[in-house]
Amino acid sequence: MKRQPILQSRQSGRDFQSPDEASVSTLLHSFFEAIARDPRISCGHIGIYAALLQCWATRQYRQPLMVFSHQVIGLAKVSSRDTYFRYVRQLSEYGYIRYEPSFSRKQPSVIHLGGAGQAPDAHQRKW
């Protein structure tokens, strides 16, 4: 199946994709391939992952991603901080992200994106 380009140049009519956009596309594609085989993943996990990708894009794709929970909760449409932390911890346990909590309200948590779909078994820890 051929992937559709993310952007199309208005001037030349040719398709193009920046390296950072290609990274997002690759991460998202790998994530969906991996979760297709992983019954533990729910729509809440998908919402959190998508919100993290959006936060990463707004921060010019800098790794690691440093975010406060309140920045992601609204984007992911999650109703409580407890739910957010549960999904983020589970995504980390399952190997889709690497989560380093700050345990401080004044310091953002660190999240490393990538790794989804790289392990042969979706149920193995990938970090």
Protein backbone atom coordinates (compact mmCIF):
# COMPACT_ATOMS: atom_id res chain seq x y z
CA MET A 1 0.00 0.00 0.00
CA LYS A 2 1.49 3.31 -1.09
CA ARG A 3 1.48 6.11 1.49
CA GLN A 4 0.02 9.45 0.58
CA PRO A 5 2.32 12.48 0.92
CA ILE A 6 1.75 14.79 3.85
CA LEU A 7 2.29 18.06 2.00
CA GLN A 8 2.06 19.12 -1.57
CA SER A 9 4.02 22.07 -2.92
CA ARG A 10 1.73 24.81 -4.23
CA GLN A 11 4.41 26.26 -6.49
CA SER A 12 5.59 23.18 -8.31
CA GLY A 13 2.70 20.80 -7.76
CA ARG A 14 5.22 18.16 -6.63
CA ASP A 15 4.85 16.17 -3.44
CA PHE A 16 7.36 16.70 -0.66
CA GLN A 17 7.85 15.76 2.94
CA SER A 18 10.30 17.30 5.40
CA PRO A 19 12.46 14.93 7.46
CA ASP A 20 10.51 15.80 10.62
CA GLU A 21 7.16 15.21 8.96
CA ALA A 22 8.48 11.92 7.65
CA SER A 23 9.45 11.01 11.22
CA VAL A 24 5.91 11.71 12.44
CA SER A 25 4.47 9.73 9.55
CA THR A 26 6.81 6.81 10.26
CA LEU A 27 6.10 6.86 14.01
CA LEU A 28 2.36 6.98 13.44
CA HIS A 29 2.49 4.20 10.86
CA SER A 30 4.63 2.00 13.14
CA PHE A 31 2.37 2.74 16.11
CA PHE A 32 -0.77 1.69 14.26
CA GLU A 33 0.87 -1.45 12.90
CA ALA A 34 1.93 -2.42 16.42
CA ILE A 35 -1.39 -1.67 18.13
CA ALA A 36 -3.27 -3.70 15.54
CA ARG A 37 -1.68 -6.77 17.20
CA ASP A 38 -1.94 -5.47 20.77
CA PRO A 39 -5.30 -5.98 22.53
CA ARG A 40 -4.16 -3.93 25.57
CA ILE A 41 -4.38 -0.64 23.65
CA SER A 42 -7.62 1.36 23.86
CA CYS A 43 -8.84 4.58 22.29
CA GLY A 44 -7.46 6.47 25.32
CA HIS A 45 -3.93 5.26 24.58
CA ILE A 46 -4.33 6.28 20.94
CA GLY A 47 -5.55 9.74 21.94
CA ILE A 48 -2.61 10.25 24.30
CA TYR A 49 -0.11 9.09 21.67
CA ALA A 50 -1.63 11.39 19.04
CA ALA A 51 -1.57 14.32 21.47
CA LEU A 52 2.09 13.62 22.26
CA LEU A 53 2.90 13.65 18.54
CA GLN A 54 1.12 16.99 18.20
CA CYS A 55 3.08 18.43 21.15
CA TRP A 56 6.29 17.14 19.56
CA ALA A 57 5.40 18.86 16.27
CA THR A 58 4.66 22.19 17.99
CA ARG A 59 8.08 22.00 19.65
CA GLN A 60 9.86 21.65 16.30
CA TYR A 61 10.34 17.87 16.71
CA ARG A 62 12.95 18.17 19.48
CA GLN A 63 13.74 14.93 21.30
CA PRO A 64 13.16 14.25 24.09
CA LEU A 65 9.72 15.77 24.41
CA MET A 66 9.31 17.73 27.63
CA VAL A 67 5.67 18.29 28.59
CA PHE A 68 3.42 18.98 31.52
CA SER A 69 0.35 16.78 31.89
CA HIS A 70 -2.06 19.71 31.47
CA GLN A 71 -0.62 20.37 28.01
CA VAL A 72 -1.55 16.89 26.80
CA ILE A 73 -4.80 16.29 28.71
CA GLY A 74 -6.76 18.89 26.74
CA LEU A 75 -5.43 17.73 23.37
CA ALA A 76 -6.14 14.08 24.11
CA LYS A 77 -9.63 14.83 25.47
CA VAL A 78 -8.85 12.88 28.63
CA SER A 79 -11.08 13.77 31.57
CA SER A 80 -8.64 13.48 34.49
CA ARG A 81 -4.98 13.58 35.44
CA ASP A 82 -5.22 10.05 36.88
CA THR A 83 -6.44 8.73 33.54
CA TYR A 84 -3.67 10.59 31.70
CA PHE A 85 -0.97 9.20 34.00
CA ARG A 86 -2.38 5.67 33.73
CA TYR A 87 -2.33 5.76 29.91
CA VAL A 88 1.14 7.31 29.74
CA ARG A 89 2.55 4.76 32.21
CA GLN A 90 0.95 1.93 30.25
CA LEU A 91 2.29 3.23 26.94
CA SER A 92 5.72 3.27 28.56
CA GLU A 93 5.32 -0.21 30.07
CA TYR A 94 4.18 -1.58 26.72
CA GLY A 95 7.18 0.00 24.98
CA TYR A 96 5.49 2.58 22.75
CA ILE A 97 7.17 5.50 24.52
CA ARG A 98 9.73 5.96 27.28
CA TYR A 99 8.32 8.06 30.09
CA GLU A 100 10.44 9.75 32.76
CA PRO A 101 8.13 11.47 35.27
CA SER A 102 9.47 14.61 36.91
CA PHE A 103 7.48 14.34 40.17
CA SER A 104 7.55 18.14 40.29
CA ARG A 105 4.82 20.55 39.25
CA LYS A 106 7.47 23.04 38.15
CA GLN A 107 9.43 20.68 35.91
CA PRO A 108 8.01 18.91 32.84
CA SER A 109 8.13 15.16 32.42
CA VAL A 110 10.40 13.75 29.72
CA ILE A 111 8.94 11.53 27.01
CA HIS A 112 10.96 9.79 24.33
CA LEU A 113 8.93 8.93 21.25
CA GLY A 114 9.77 6.06 18.98
CA GLY A 115 10.18 2.36 19.37
CA ALA A 116 6.64 1.33 18.44
CA GLY A 117 6.59 -1.77 16.33
CA GLN A 118 10.32 -2.41 16.55
CA ALA A 119 10.07 -5.48 18.75
CA PRO A 120 8.98 -8.72 17.04
CA ASP A 121 6.22 -9.29 19.59
CA ALA A 122 3.87 -6.41 20.44
CA HIS A 123 3.53 -7.77 23.98
CA GLN A 124 7.24 -7.53 24.78
CA ARG A 125 8.68 -4.49 26.49
CA LYS A 126 10.58 -2.56 23.86
CA TRP A 127 12.74 -0.28 26.05
